[in-house]
Amino acid sequence: MDLDKLAQHVAAARQASGHFPNEAEQVFTAVLTALLLQGPPSDSTDATANRVKPITASEFFSRLRPTQDVDKVLSAAYFCDVHRSKAEFSAEELRQTLLEAKISPPKNVSLGVLRNAQRGLIAQKEKQGKKKLHG
């Protein structure tokens, strides 16, 4: 990032934090962080520079290395939601994601979903046909 762009971000963060004198420091930090995380504008002329190779299930799980069945299911749900942009998925889709990542799935994936739902980490959706969807 060039210094001019950084200066613009700092100025924008200062301006925003000026509207909240009691929380100025927190607002400044939050706004500056958000602006820095945005990355380059999407209208960039070099389309190949903005292309990011999507992460595979194997790469994702090699970083996390979940060992407990409930953590494997939760990780698979996160991968489907974030990296595959699937807000709803079935227990079978989670099982397939684990197999794709070469992770041994739990014998009962639905039980892992239920345990995560009880912890408030996965929301259970209505049944559609024979498959229960989660998100």
C-alpha atoms as a PDB file:
ATOM      1  CA  MET A   1       0.000   0.000   0.000  1.00  0.00           C
ATOM      2  CA  ASP A   2       1.367   3.398  -0.862  1.00  0.00           C
ATOM      3  CA  LEU A   3       1.692   6.169   1.712  1.00  0.00           C
ATOM      4  CA  ASP A   4      -0.916   8.391   0.025  1.00  0.00           C
ATOM      5  CA  LYS A   5      -3.556   5.679   0.331  1.00  0.00           C
ATOM      6  CA  LEU A   6      -2.575   5.069   3.953  1.00  0.00           C
ATOM      7  CA  ALA A   7      -2.856   8.787   4.691  1.00  0.00           C
ATOM      8  CA  GLN A   8      -6.344   8.815   3.157  1.00  0.00           C
ATOM      9  CA  HIS A   9      -7.387   5.904   5.362  1.00  0.00           C
ATOM     10  CA  VAL A  10      -5.998   7.573   8.489  1.00  0.00           C
ATOM     11  CA  ALA A  11      -7.815  10.822   7.641  1.00  0.00           C
ATOM     12  CA  ALA A  12     -11.098   8.960   7.111  1.00  0.00           C
ATOM     13  CA  ALA A  13     -10.674   7.131  10.421  1.00  0.00           C
ATOM     14  CA  ARG A  14      -9.933  10.401  12.243  1.00  0.00           C
ATOM     15  CA  GLN A  15     -12.990  12.035  10.728  1.00  0.00           C
ATOM     16  CA  ALA A  16     -15.243   9.132  11.739  1.00  0.00           C
ATOM     17  CA  SER A  17     -13.844   8.994  15.271  1.00  0.00           C
ATOM     18  CA  GLY A  18     -14.497  12.728  15.698  1.00  0.00           C
ATOM     19  CA  HIS A  19     -18.223  12.001  15.745  1.00  0.00           C
ATOM     20  CA  PHE A  20     -17.809   9.757  18.810  1.00  0.00           C
ATOM     21  CA  PRO A  21     -15.703  11.660  21.376  1.00  0.00           C
ATOM     22  CA  ASN A  22     -16.291   9.129  24.177  1.00  0.00           C
ATOM     23  CA  GLU A  23     -15.163   6.198  22.010  1.00  0.00           C
ATOM     24  CA  ALA A  24     -12.819   8.065  19.637  1.00  0.00           C
ATOM     25  CA  GLU A  25      -9.881   5.686  20.036  1.00  0.00           C
ATOM     26  CA  GLN A  26     -11.963   2.546  19.510  1.00  0.00           C
ATOM     27  CA  VAL A  27     -13.780   4.019  16.499  1.00  0.00           C
ATOM     28  CA  PHE A  28     -10.501   5.215  14.960  1.00  0.00           C
ATOM     29  CA  THR A  29      -8.958   1.759  15.336  1.00  0.00           C
ATOM     30  CA  ALA A  30     -12.043  -0.045  14.015  1.00  0.00           C
ATOM     31  CA  VAL A  31     -12.473   2.212  10.980  1.00  0.00           C
ATOM     32  CA  LEU A  32      -8.783   2.163  10.086  1.00  0.00           C
ATOM     33  CA  THR A  33      -8.653  -1.617  10.426  1.00  0.00           C
ATOM     34  CA  ALA A  34     -11.743  -2.028   8.249  1.00  0.00           C
ATOM     35  CA  LEU A  35     -10.322   0.255   5.570  1.00  0.00           C
ATOM     36  CA  LEU A  36      -6.988  -1.544   5.549  1.00  0.00           C
ATOM     37  CA  LEU A  37      -8.648  -4.955   5.318  1.00  0.00           C
ATOM     38  CA  GLN A  38     -10.728  -3.927   2.305  1.00  0.00           C
ATOM     39  CA  GLY A  39      -7.739  -4.407   0.040  1.00  0.00           C
ATOM     40  CA  PRO A  40      -7.450  -3.026  -3.467  1.00  0.00           C
ATOM     41  CA  PRO A  41     -10.556  -1.608  -5.171  1.00  0.00           C
ATOM     42  CA  SER A  42     -12.537  -4.058  -7.277  1.00  0.00           C
ATOM     43  CA  ASP A  43     -12.355  -1.868 -10.382  1.00  0.00           C
ATOM     44  CA  SER A  44      -8.641  -2.585 -10.770  1.00  0.00           C
ATOM     45  CA  THR A  45      -7.490  -2.721 -14.386  1.00  0.00           C
ATOM     46  CA  ASP A  46      -5.340  -5.782 -13.764  1.00  0.00           C
ATOM     47  CA  ALA A  47      -7.935  -8.517 -13.206  1.00  0.00           C
ATOM     48  CA  THR A  48      -5.344 -11.231 -12.590  1.00  0.00           C
ATOM     49  CA  ALA A  49      -3.836  -9.325  -9.655  1.00  0.00           C
ATOM     50  CA  ASN A  50      -7.098  -9.634  -7.663  1.00  0.00           C
ATOM     51  CA  ARG A  51      -7.653 -13.323  -8.384  1.00  0.00           C
ATOM     52  CA  VAL A  52      -7.138 -15.479  -5.340  1.00  0.00           C
ATOM     53  CA  LYS A  53      -6.958 -19.237  -5.590  1.00  0.00           C
ATOM     54  CA  PRO A  54      -9.762 -20.697  -3.462  1.00  0.00           C
ATOM     55  CA  ILE A  55      -8.647 -22.820  -0.537  1.00  0.00           C
ATOM     56  CA  THR A  56      -9.321 -26.525  -0.817  1.00  0.00           C
ATOM     57  CA  ALA A  57     -10.874 -28.612   1.913  1.00  0.00           C
ATOM     58  CA  SER A  58      -7.551 -30.411   2.401  1.00  0.00           C
ATOM     59  CA  GLU A  59      -5.669 -27.141   2.868  1.00  0.00           C
ATOM     60  CA  PHE A  60      -8.310 -25.839   5.255  1.00  0.00           C
ATOM     61  CA  PHE A  61      -8.293 -28.935   7.463  1.00  0.00           C
ATOM     62  CA  SER A  62      -4.505 -29.241   7.417  1.00  0.00           C
ATOM     63  CA  ARG A  63      -4.399 -25.833   9.104  1.00  0.00           C
ATOM     64  CA  LEU A  64      -7.056 -26.606  11.710  1.00  0.00           C
ATOM     65  CA  ARG A  65      -6.396 -30.285  12.449  1.00  0.00           C
ATOM     66  CA  PRO A  66      -9.600 -30.933  14.413  1.00  0.00           C
ATOM     67  CA  THR A  67      -9.472 -34.123  16.456  1.00  0.00           C
ATOM     68  CA  GLN A  68     -12.878 -34.330  18.164  1.00  0.00           C
ATOM     69  CA  ASP A  69     -15.884 -35.391  16.076  1.00  0.00           C
ATOM     70  CA  VAL A  70     -17.864 -32.318  17.094  1.00  0.00           C
ATOM     71  CA  ASP A  71     -14.977 -30.055  15.986  1.00  0.00           C
ATOM     72  CA  LYS A  72     -14.660 -31.878  12.658  1.00  0.00           C
ATOM     73  CA  VAL A  73     -18.354 -31.296  11.946  1.00  0.00           C
ATOM     74  CA  LEU A  74     -18.148 -27.650  12.984  1.00  0.00           C
ATOM     75  CA  SER A  75     -15.074 -27.118  10.802  1.00  0.00           C
ATOM     76  CA  ALA A  76     -16.799 -28.730   7.826  1.00  0.00           C
ATOM     77  CA  ALA A  77     -19.847 -26.513   8.381  1.00  0.00           C
ATOM     78  CA  TYR A  78     -17.637 -23.422   8.503  1.00  0.00           C
ATOM     79  CA  PHE A  79     -15.823 -24.499   5.331  1.00  0.00           C
ATOM     80  CA  CYS A  80     -19.116 -25.028   3.471  1.00  0.00           C
ATOM     81  CA  ASP A  81     -20.516 -21.716   4.680  1.00  0.00           C
ATOM     82  CA  VAL A  82     -17.481 -19.482   4.149  1.00  0.00           C
ATOM     83  CA  HIS A  83     -15.363 -21.076   1.439  1.00  0.00           C
ATOM     84  CA  ARG A  84     -18.153 -22.581  -0.644  1.00  0.00           C
ATOM     85  CA  SER A  85     -20.725 -19.857   0.063  1.00  0.00           C
ATOM     86  CA  LYS A  86     -23.317 -22.444   1.062  1.00  0.00           C
ATOM     87  CA  ALA A  87     -25.386 -21.145   3.949  1.00  0.00           C
ATOM     88  CA  GLU A  88     -27.437 -24.340   4.065  1.00  0.00           C
ATOM     89  CA  PHE A  89     -26.100 -27.869   3.910  1.00  0.00           C
ATOM     90  CA  SER A  90     -27.029 -31.379   4.957  1.00  0.00           C
ATOM     91  CA  ALA A  91     -25.172 -33.757   7.236  1.00  0.00           C
ATOM     92  CA  GLU A  92     -24.263 -35.783   4.142  1.00  0.00           C
ATOM     93  CA  GLU A  93     -22.656 -32.723   2.533  1.00  0.00           C
ATOM     94  CA  LEU A  94     -20.585 -32.215   5.701  1.00  0.00           C
ATOM     95  CA  ARG A  95     -19.557 -35.872   5.564  1.00  0.00           C
ATOM     96  CA  GLN A  96     -18.519 -35.495   1.915  1.00  0.00           C
ATOM     97  CA  THR A  97     -16.505 -32.366   2.761  1.00  0.00           C
ATOM     98  CA  LEU A  98     -14.618 -34.290   5.442  1.00  0.00           C
ATOM     99  CA  LEU A  99     -13.939 -37.159   3.048  1.00  0.00           C
ATOM    100  CA  GLU A 100     -12.736 -34.696   0.410  1.00  0.00           C
ATOM    101  CA  ALA A 101     -10.297 -33.303   2.975  1.00  0.00           C
ATOM    102  CA  LYS A 102      -9.157 -36.849   3.771  1.00  0.00           C
ATOM    103  CA  ILE A 103     -10.469 -36.510   7.331  1.00  0.00           C
ATOM    104  CA  SER A 104     -12.225 -39.526   8.816  1.00  0.00           C
ATOM    105  CA  PRO A 105     -15.807 -38.395   9.406  1.00  0.00           C
ATOM    106  CA  PRO A 106     -17.677 -39.294  12.573  1.00  0.00           C
ATOM    107  CA  LYS A 107     -19.865 -42.378  12.386  1.00  0.00           C
ATOM    108  CA  ASN A 108     -22.873 -40.134  13.062  1.00  0.00           C
ATOM    109  CA  VAL A 109     -22.400 -36.661  11.531  1.00  0.00           C
ATOM    110  CA  SER A 110     -25.934 -35.671  12.523  1.00  0.00           C
ATOM    111  CA  LEU A 111     -25.010 -36.151  16.172  1.00  0.00           C
ATOM    112  CA  GLY A 112     -22.083 -33.748  15.679  1.00  0.00           C
ATOM    113  CA  VAL A 113     -24.463 -31.241  14.121  1.00  0.00           C
ATOM    114  CA  LEU A 114     -26.866 -31.654  17.034  1.00  0.00           C
ATOM    115  CA  ARG A 115     -24.102 -31.147  19.624  1.00  0.00           C
ATOM    116  CA  ASN A 116     -22.916 -27.989  17.836  1.00  0.00           C
ATOM    117  CA  ALA A 117     -26.517 -26.763  17.627  1.00  0.00           C
ATOM    118  CA  GLN A 118     -26.883 -27.290  21.375  1.00  0.00           C
ATOM    119  CA  ARG A 119     -23.766 -25.153  21.873  1.00  0.00           C
ATOM    120  CA  GLY A 120     -25.309 -22.481  19.627  1.00  0.00           C
ATOM    121  CA  LEU A 121     -22.666 -22.855  16.903  1.00  0.00           C
ATOM    122  CA  ILE A 122     -24.837 -24.328  14.137  1.00  0.00           C
ATOM    123  CA  ALA A 123     -28.465 -23.451  13.502  1.00  0.00           C
ATOM    124  CA  GLN A 124     -30.712 -26.334  12.553  1.00  0.00           C
ATOM    125  CA  LYS A 125     -33.175 -25.613   9.783  1.00  0.00           C
ATOM    126  CA  GLU A 126     -36.439 -27.216   8.759  1.00  0.00           C
ATOM    127  CA  LYS A 127     -36.496 -30.598   7.085  1.00  0.00           C
ATOM    128  CA  GLN A 128     -36.738 -30.601   3.298  1.00  0.00           C
ATOM    129  CA  GLY A 129     -37.696 -34.045   2.165  1.00  0.00           C
ATOM    130  CA  LYS A 130     -35.492 -36.523   4.011  1.00  0.00           C
ATOM    131  CA  LYS A 131     -32.510 -34.204   4.471  1.00  0.00           C
ATOM    132  CA  LYS A 132     -32.243 -31.802   7.373  1.00  0.00           C
ATOM    133  CA  LEU A 133     -30.477 -28.594   6.381  1.00  0.00           C
ATOM    134  CA  HIS A 134     -28.161 -26.667   8.642  1.00  0.00           C
ATOM    135  CA  GLY A 135     -26.584 -23.251   8.515  1.00  0.00           C
END
